[in-house]
Amino acid sequence: MKKILNFIFLLLIACNASDSTKQITEPEAIDPASTKILFIGNSITYYNQMPAIFKSMAEAGGKNTYVFQWVQGGVVLGYFALNPIAPEVIYKTKWDYVILQDGDYHIIYPEEHQRLAGYVNSLKNLILGNNPDTKILFHMLHALKDGLFHDNVYYDYTAFTQKIIEGTTAFAKLVDLKISPVGIAWNDIVVNHPEIELYNPDNMHPTYAGSYLIACVNYSAIFKTSCVGNSFSGNLSADDARTIQTVASETVLNYDN
């Protein structure tokens, strides 16, 4: 338990998320013809209003979507699995896609997978009980910029990234979920396009470019198409947006999932 608590204290910086259930689209009515998408996660998901970035990209790409987020700063998926309002949120509509973003880097330890699976399977059962056709994507985290020192073991950025990839791949097989390979695309930008800064000064949370990358990966993972050329670039330069779009699309469409 101490190991778990230390991990959460180290890696999950609590942020202000007073509106932990926040609708992204203004109209209350849900278009039955829309692709209905629910994001569940912590500040890695809601930083820079990533679901709104995704929504804007979808609109620019001619996609009719309804986007909703259930988010809370400084928590892991167990918070949502054990939350009494979980059925209310998940049964809001018959979701086409749900993206689960955990904040627990214990995923790099195989011996922790059964514990994590309990929470994920609880959410999975609720989601599929609501709509058996819902596609659930498990968000692969990105590594901390400075790596990780924990329990007298140091993993530099490269080693930490590899541990995340291996751990997430094994865990997704255990719980039978597809992966949104954010961590792989993130690493590609870090290694091959260092001029694009993905990290905030805390070396963990995403900059706007990092959140744009997350949105791009989810766009290609959900719509199964490239987002290269999407006209929504937010506050990024056209060149940086296109680079991120290209990396995200190639990562997803070439990913063996």
Protein backbone atom coordinates (compact mmCIF):
# COMPACT_ATOMS: atom_id res chain seq x y z
CA MET A 1 0.00 0.00 0.00
CA LYS A 2 2.84 2.39 0.81
CA LYS A 3 4.30 1.77 -2.63
CA ILE A 4 0.96 2.60 -4.24
CA LEU A 5 0.42 5.74 -2.19
CA ASN A 6 3.93 7.00 -2.83
CA PHE A 7 3.47 6.44 -6.53
CA ILE A 8 0.23 8.35 -6.66
CA PHE A 9 1.66 11.19 -4.57
CA LEU A 10 4.69 11.45 -6.84
CA LEU A 11 3.00 11.24 -10.21
CA LEU A 12 -0.51 12.61 -9.85
CA ILE A 13 -0.45 16.30 -9.08
CA ALA A 14 -3.92 17.27 -7.97
CA CYS A 15 -5.34 20.04 -10.13
CA ASN A 16 -8.50 22.10 -9.80
CA ALA A 17 -11.28 20.09 -11.40
CA SER A 18 -14.36 21.39 -9.63
CA ASP A 19 -16.56 20.55 -12.62
CA SER A 20 -15.46 16.91 -12.72
CA THR A 21 -18.34 16.04 -15.02
CA LYS A 22 -18.33 18.54 -17.86
CA GLN A 23 -20.24 18.53 -21.12
CA ILE A 24 -18.18 19.72 -24.08
CA THR A 25 -21.00 20.34 -26.53
CA GLU A 26 -23.52 23.04 -25.62
CA PRO A 27 -26.83 21.49 -26.78
CA GLU A 28 -28.46 19.16 -24.29
CA ALA A 29 -30.06 17.05 -27.00
CA ILE A 30 -27.89 14.25 -28.37
CA ASP A 31 -28.14 13.66 -32.10
CA PRO A 32 -28.85 9.93 -32.48
CA ALA A 33 -26.80 9.93 -35.68
CA SER A 34 -23.69 11.31 -33.97
CA THR A 35 -20.66 9.30 -32.90
CA LYS A 36 -20.92 9.47 -29.12
CA ILE A 37 -17.60 9.60 -27.29
CA LEU A 38 -16.86 9.59 -23.56
CA PHE A 39 -13.45 10.47 -22.12
CA ILE A 40 -12.73 9.25 -18.58
CA GLY A 41 -9.48 10.28 -16.92
CA ASN A 42 -7.52 12.79 -14.91
CA SER A 43 -5.59 15.95 -15.76
CA ILE A 44 -3.71 14.23 -18.59
CA THR A 45 -7.09 14.10 -20.33
CA TYR A 46 -8.55 17.48 -19.40
CA TYR A 47 -5.41 19.66 -19.62
CA ASN A 48 -5.82 22.33 -22.31
CA GLN A 49 -9.38 21.06 -22.77
CA MET A 50 -8.17 18.14 -24.85
CA PRO A 51 -11.69 16.72 -25.45
CA ALA A 52 -12.67 20.13 -26.87
CA ILE A 53 -9.62 20.01 -29.15
CA PHE A 54 -10.75 16.57 -30.29
CA LYS A 55 -14.29 17.90 -30.86
CA SER A 56 -12.96 20.79 -32.96
CA MET A 57 -10.87 18.42 -35.05
CA ALA A 58 -13.87 16.16 -35.55
CA GLU A 59 -15.98 19.08 -36.71
CA ALA A 60 -13.23 20.23 -39.08
CA GLY A 61 -13.05 16.69 -40.44
CA GLY A 62 -16.77 16.58 -41.10
CA LYS A 63 -17.48 14.16 -38.25
CA ASN A 64 -20.76 14.45 -36.37
CA THR A 65 -19.81 13.81 -32.75
CA TYR A 66 -21.16 14.16 -29.26
CA VAL A 67 -18.25 14.47 -26.81
CA PHE A 68 -18.51 14.24 -23.04
CA GLN A 69 -15.84 14.04 -20.37
CA TRP A 70 -15.81 12.65 -16.84
CA VAL A 71 -12.56 13.86 -15.34
CA GLN A 72 -10.99 14.59 -11.98
CA GLY A 73 -7.49 15.83 -11.17
CA GLY A 74 -5.07 13.63 -9.27
CA VAL A 75 -6.96 10.35 -9.49
CA VAL A 76 -6.64 6.90 -11.04
CA LEU A 77 -9.32 4.76 -12.67
CA GLY A 78 -10.20 3.24 -9.33
CA TYR A 79 -11.73 6.61 -8.41
CA PHE A 80 -14.21 6.30 -11.27
CA ALA A 81 -14.82 2.57 -10.84
CA LEU A 82 -15.78 3.07 -7.18
CA ASN A 83 -17.63 6.35 -7.66
CA PRO A 84 -21.38 6.09 -6.94
CA ILE A 85 -22.23 8.30 -9.93
CA ALA A 86 -20.47 5.96 -12.38
CA PRO A 87 -23.73 4.34 -13.58
CA GLU A 88 -25.32 7.77 -14.05
CA VAL A 89 -22.46 9.01 -16.24
CA ILE A 90 -22.00 5.82 -18.22
CA TYR A 91 -25.73 5.31 -18.79
CA LYS A 92 -26.14 8.89 -20.03
CA THR A 93 -26.30 7.55 -23.59
CA LYS A 94 -25.21 4.54 -25.59
CA TRP A 95 -21.59 5.48 -26.21
CA ASP A 96 -19.86 4.45 -29.41
CA TYR A 97 -16.43 4.95 -27.87
CA VAL A 98 -15.10 5.30 -24.33
CA ILE A 99 -11.46 6.23 -23.71
CA LEU A 100 -10.09 5.18 -20.33
CA GLN A 101 -7.03 7.11 -19.16
CA ASP A 102 -5.44 5.81 -15.99
CA GLY A 103 -2.94 7.82 -14.00
CA ASP A 104 -1.32 4.82 -12.35
CA TYR A 105 2.20 4.23 -13.65
CA HIS A 106 2.17 0.98 -11.70
CA ILE A 107 1.23 -0.44 -15.07
CA ILE A 108 4.98 -0.89 -15.63
CA TYR A 109 4.93 -3.59 -12.93
CA PRO A 110 3.30 -6.86 -14.10
CA GLU A 111 2.59 -7.87 -10.51
CA GLU A 112 0.25 -4.87 -10.22
CA HIS A 113 -1.84 -5.76 -13.26
CA GLN A 114 -4.44 -7.88 -11.48
CA ARG A 115 -5.17 -5.03 -9.06
CA LEU A 116 -5.52 -2.53 -11.89
CA ALA A 117 -7.63 -4.99 -13.87
CA GLY A 118 -10.22 -5.06 -11.10
CA TYR A 119 -10.96 -1.36 -11.57
CA VAL A 120 -10.83 -1.46 -15.35
CA ASN A 121 -13.08 -4.51 -15.56
CA SER A 122 -15.58 -2.84 -13.25
CA LEU A 123 -15.82 0.11 -15.64
CA LYS A 124 -15.77 -2.18 -18.65
CA ASN A 125 -18.70 -4.19 -17.32
CA LEU A 126 -20.73 -1.01 -16.77
CA ILE A 127 -19.90 0.33 -20.22
CA LEU A 128 -20.71 -2.89 -22.07
CA GLY A 129 -23.77 -3.45 -19.91
CA ASN A 130 -25.04 -0.12 -21.17
CA ASN A 131 -24.13 -0.85 -24.79
CA PRO A 132 -22.36 -4.09 -25.82
CA ASP A 133 -21.27 -2.43 -29.06
CA THR A 134 -19.24 0.29 -27.34
CA LYS A 135 -15.56 0.28 -28.32
CA ILE A 136 -13.30 0.90 -25.34
CA LEU A 137 -9.80 2.31 -25.85
CA PHE A 138 -7.15 2.26 -23.13
CA HIS A 139 -4.95 5.36 -23.19
CA MET A 140 -1.23 4.51 -23.21
CA LEU A 141 0.50 7.07 -21.01
CA HIS A 142 3.60 9.04 -21.96
CA ALA A 143 6.74 8.88 -19.84
CA LEU A 144 7.77 11.63 -17.47
CA LYS A 145 10.33 13.91 -19.12
CA ASP A 146 12.99 13.24 -16.48
CA GLY A 147 12.21 9.54 -16.18
CA LEU A 148 11.34 7.92 -12.88
CA PHE A 149 13.26 7.17 -9.71
CA HIS A 150 11.30 4.86 -7.46
CA ASP A 151 12.20 2.23 -4.87
CA ASN A 152 15.92 2.86 -5.50
CA VAL A 153 15.57 2.13 -9.21
CA TYR A 154 16.01 4.84 -11.85
CA TYR A 155 14.41 4.57 -15.29
CA ASP A 156 15.54 7.34 -17.61
CA TYR A 157 13.08 8.69 -20.16
CA THR A 158 13.91 6.05 -22.77
CA ALA A 159 13.76 3.12 -20.35
CA PHE A 160 10.58 4.47 -18.76
CA THR A 161 8.93 4.79 -22.16
CA GLN A 162 9.79 1.20 -23.01
CA LYS A 163 8.46 -0.03 -19.66
CA ILE A 164 5.19 1.82 -20.29
CA ILE A 165 4.83 0.34 -23.78
CA GLU A 166 5.53 -3.19 -22.54
CA GLY A 167 3.34 -2.84 -19.46
CA THR A 168 0.40 -1.30 -21.30
CA THR A 169 0.57 -3.89 -24.06
CA ALA A 170 0.49 -6.76 -21.56
CA PHE A 171 -2.23 -5.13 -19.49
CA ALA A 172 -4.48 -4.44 -22.48
CA LYS A 173 -4.28 -8.11 -23.41
CA LEU A 174 -5.20 -9.08 -19.85
CA VAL A 175 -8.36 -6.94 -19.88
CA ASP A 176 -9.04 -7.47 -23.61
CA LEU A 177 -9.00 -3.82 -24.64
CA LYS A 178 -7.62 -1.95 -27.63
CA ILE A 179 -4.96 0.69 -27.01
CA SER A 180 -4.87 4.34 -27.98
CA PRO A 181 -1.06 4.48 -28.43
CA VAL A 182 -0.46 7.99 -27.16
CA GLY A 183 2.83 7.10 -25.47
CA ILE A 184 4.34 5.78 -28.70
CA ALA A 185 3.38 8.86 -30.73
CA TRP A 186 4.56 11.09 -27.88
CA ASN A 187 7.96 9.40 -27.89
CA ASP A 188 8.25 9.86 -31.66
CA ILE A 189 7.80 13.61 -31.27
CA VAL A 190 10.24 13.77 -28.33
CA VAL A 191 12.93 11.86 -30.22
CA ASN A 192 12.45 13.07 -33.79
CA HIS A 193 10.89 16.51 -33.39
CA PRO A 194 12.36 18.01 -30.19
CA GLU A 195 11.55 21.51 -31.44
CA ILE A 196 7.92 20.77 -30.49
CA GLU A 197 7.66 20.97 -26.71
CA LEU A 198 5.11 18.51 -25.37
CA TYR A 199 5.81 18.98 -21.66
CA ASN A 200 4.71 21.69 -19.29
CA PRO A 201 7.37 22.91 -16.83
CA ASP A 202 6.31 20.20 -14.37
CA ASN A 203 7.74 17.68 -16.89
CA MET A 204 4.57 15.60 -16.76
CA HIS A 205 1.47 17.46 -17.94
CA PRO A 206 1.03 18.26 -21.63
CA THR A 207 1.48 21.63 -23.24
CA TYR A 208 -1.15 22.60 -25.81
CA ALA A 209 0.95 20.71 -28.38
CA GLY A 210 0.92 17.64 -26.13
CA SER A 211 -2.85 17.79 -25.74
CA TYR A 212 -3.21 18.31 -29.49
CA LEU A 213 -1.15 15.15 -30.01
CA ILE A 214 -3.43 13.20 -27.65
CA ALA A 215 -6.47 14.47 -29.56
CA CYS A 216 -4.89 13.48 -32.89
CA VAL A 217 -4.09 9.96 -31.70
CA ASN A 218 -7.64 9.50 -30.47
CA TYR A 219 -9.02 10.94 -33.71
CA SER A 220 -7.17 8.38 -35.83
CA ALA A 221 -7.90 5.56 -33.37
CA ILE A 222 -11.64 6.29 -33.31
CA PHE A 223 -12.26 7.18 -36.94
CA LYS A 224 -9.60 4.79 -38.27
CA THR A 225 -8.31 7.37 -40.68
CA SER A 226 -5.45 9.84 -41.00
CA CYS A 227 -5.94 13.29 -39.53
CA VAL A 228 -3.21 14.79 -41.73
CA GLY A 229 -4.52 17.94 -43.33
CA ASN A 230 -7.19 18.58 -40.70
CA SER A 231 -7.83 22.33 -40.78
CA PHE A 232 -8.08 22.75 -37.01
CA SER A 233 -4.68 23.60 -35.57
CA GLY A 234 -5.71 25.52 -32.46
CA ASN A 235 -2.91 27.79 -31.32
CA LEU A 236 -0.19 25.80 -33.11
CA SER A 237 1.63 26.82 -36.24
CA ALA A 238 0.46 25.06 -39.39
CA ASP A 239 3.81 23.25 -39.63
CA ASP A 240 3.75 21.99 -36.04
CA ALA A 241 0.13 20.90 -36.35
CA ARG A 242 0.86 18.97 -39.52
CA THR A 243 3.91 17.30 -37.95
CA ILE A 244 1.84 16.19 -34.97
CA GLN A 245 -1.01 15.04 -37.22
CA THR A 246 1.43 13.00 -39.32
CA VAL A 247 3.13 11.32 -36.36
CA ALA A 248 -0.19 10.56 -34.65
CA SER A 249 -1.80 9.15 -37.78
CA GLU A 250 1.17 7.00 -38.77
CA THR A 251 1.52 5.69 -35.22
CA VAL A 252 -2.13 4.64 -34.98
CA LEU A 253 -2.58 3.29 -38.49
CA ASN A 254 0.63 1.25 -38.31
CA TYR A 255 0.06 0.05 -34.75
CA ASP A 256 -0.57 -3.67 -34.33
CA ASN A 257 -3.54 -3.59 -32.00
